[in-house]
Amino acid sequence: MFEDIYAKGGVTLRLETGAVGLHNGVFDVVARNVTCEDGRCAVMFAPHSAINGVVQVENVLARGCAWAVTIGLGGVKKE
């Protein structure tokens, strides 16, 4: 649970999985009131190749950022 989080610059909440192994992921995450100011984005998802579960995000605010939310493409490793 992430609630009322703020960052000036960069990324406020970054959820990135799958780079380490096949059996890790993001499950049952709730984020509310995520704010970013003068940064890249408030919420960044980078699923890579992991199997992920439910992620709920509410009330995202980005001021002077490139994006409010970014979601990268998932991929499948040869393994």
Protein backbone atom coordinates (compact mmCIF):
# COMPACT_ATOMS: atom_id res chain seq x y z
CA MET A 1 0.00 0.00 0.00
CA PHE A 2 1.38 3.36 -1.07
CA GLU A 3 -0.59 6.41 -0.03
CA ASP A 4 0.06 10.14 -0.28
CA ILE A 5 3.53 9.82 -1.81
CA TYR A 6 5.38 12.69 -3.48
CA ALA A 7 8.62 13.17 -5.38
CA LYS A 8 10.26 16.22 -6.86
CA GLY A 9 12.17 15.01 -9.92
CA GLY A 10 12.57 11.44 -11.10
CA VAL A 11 9.85 8.83 -10.66
CA THR A 12 7.60 8.71 -7.60
CA LEU A 13 6.51 5.05 -7.79
CA ARG A 14 8.44 2.60 -9.96
CA LEU A 15 7.26 -1.00 -10.30
CA GLU A 16 9.75 -3.01 -12.34
CA THR A 17 9.86 -6.80 -12.40
CA GLY A 18 11.28 -9.77 -14.23
CA ALA A 19 14.88 -8.66 -14.58
CA VAL A 20 16.13 -11.03 -11.84
CA GLY A 21 14.19 -14.22 -12.53
CA LEU A 22 11.04 -15.82 -13.81
CA HIS A 23 9.33 -16.23 -10.44
CA ASN A 24 9.06 -12.70 -9.18
CA GLY A 25 6.36 -10.15 -9.81
CA VAL A 26 4.14 -7.45 -8.43
CA PHE A 27 0.95 -8.61 -6.72
CA ASP A 28 -1.78 -6.90 -4.70
CA VAL A 29 -0.38 -3.37 -4.87
CA VAL A 30 -2.58 -0.36 -4.13
CA ALA A 31 -1.36 3.20 -4.69
CA ARG A 32 -3.43 6.28 -3.88
CA ASN A 33 -2.58 9.95 -4.26
CA VAL A 34 0.72 9.70 -6.12
CA THR A 35 2.26 13.07 -7.02
CA CYS A 36 5.32 13.95 -9.07
CA GLU A 37 6.65 17.44 -9.72
CA ASP A 38 9.25 18.39 -12.35
CA GLY A 39 10.21 14.77 -12.96
CA ARG A 40 9.91 11.94 -15.44
CA CYS A 41 6.58 10.46 -14.26
CA ALA A 42 4.49 9.77 -11.18
CA VAL A 43 3.97 6.03 -11.82
CA MET A 44 6.18 3.79 -13.96
CA PHE A 45 5.42 0.16 -14.78
CA ALA A 46 8.11 -1.98 -16.42
CA PRO A 47 6.84 -5.59 -16.44
CA HIS A 48 9.68 -7.19 -18.44
CA SER A 49 8.92 -10.92 -18.39
CA ALA A 50 7.48 -11.60 -14.94
CA ILE A 51 3.92 -12.68 -14.36
CA ASN A 52 2.23 -9.94 -12.36
CA GLY A 53 -0.99 -9.68 -10.42
CA VAL A 54 -3.44 -6.91 -9.66
CA VAL A 55 -2.17 -3.34 -9.25
CA GLN A 56 -4.62 -0.54 -8.48
CA VAL A 57 -3.59 3.09 -8.86
CA GLU A 58 -5.87 6.02 -8.04
CA ASN A 59 -5.45 9.81 -8.09
CA VAL A 60 -2.21 10.43 -9.97
CA LEU A 61 -1.01 14.01 -10.36
CA ALA A 62 1.96 15.07 -12.51
CA ARG A 63 3.08 18.71 -12.60
CA GLY A 64 5.80 19.62 -15.09
CA CYS A 65 6.55 15.97 -15.80
CA ALA A 66 7.03 14.15 -19.10
CA TRP A 67 4.20 11.72 -18.23
CA ALA A 68 1.77 10.96 -15.42
CA VAL A 69 1.90 7.15 -15.93
CA THR A 70 4.08 5.02 -18.22
CA ILE A 71 3.63 1.33 -18.91
CA GLY A 72 6.43 -0.52 -20.72
CA LEU A 73 5.91 -3.48 -23.00
CA GLY A 74 6.12 -6.91 -21.43
CA GLY A 75 8.26 -9.53 -23.06
CA VAL A 76 8.98 -13.23 -22.85
CA LYS A 77 12.50 -14.57 -22.31
CA LYS A 78 13.66 -17.60 -24.25
CA GLU A 79 13.97 -19.58 -21.01
